[in-house]
């Protein structure tokens, strides 16, 4: 099962949650293959994904957890979650830890994750971890935890180029029942940050405001929304 504390990216519709099928890999195809293999129990037991914000780390972790009926946990993503929650992960089929750097400098969390790692190792359970920086740059005070996180491949994720970002937008828009005209797609990827969560959040706003205004999604409409007027 997946923990109730799973936080899907906000811009994903409820009927189109993160999966391997709706991930646009771009230059990250080898990373996607490695994650798929680990989730299926055929790849590396420990994988560490490193990359800037918006490169798909959370998407891949949630996709893996869903595919394997495993657990996804973001130690810093839910204020009410404490390190004791890791005890529930020790018998999982797969564990995906997102934003693991949130544990750095917090002895209770670092020790809990260290115990979890050892329990999963004993059981032969795959572990996939993600953070912006590689293990050695997280500032962990427990050296053994850092070394264990780096015991498997550390795979870097790169951002998508404009055509790939366009494909992401078109696919997500269609999942919402929206057909984005090619000029609108080109306008968005050329002028907005090359950051998938940012673009998907903007798409969600466009969807909501176009429905409310009963207006088609055009470049003037997009421009007015971005500029804050909400009118085109």
Foldseek 3Di string as FASTA:
>chain_A
DEDPLDDFQPLFDPVGTQALVLDLQAVNVVVLVQLQCLLVVNHDQAEEEAADAQLCLSSSLVNSCVVNVAYEDEVPRDVVDDLVVLVVRLPTQEYEYEQLLVCAPPVRNLVSVVVSLVSCVVVSHGYYYYDHDQLVPSNHPDVVSSVSNVVDYYHYGDFHALVSLLVSLQVSCVVVVAHDPPVLSNVDSVPDDSHNSVVSVLVVVVVVLCVVVVHHDDPVQSVCVVVPNNHD
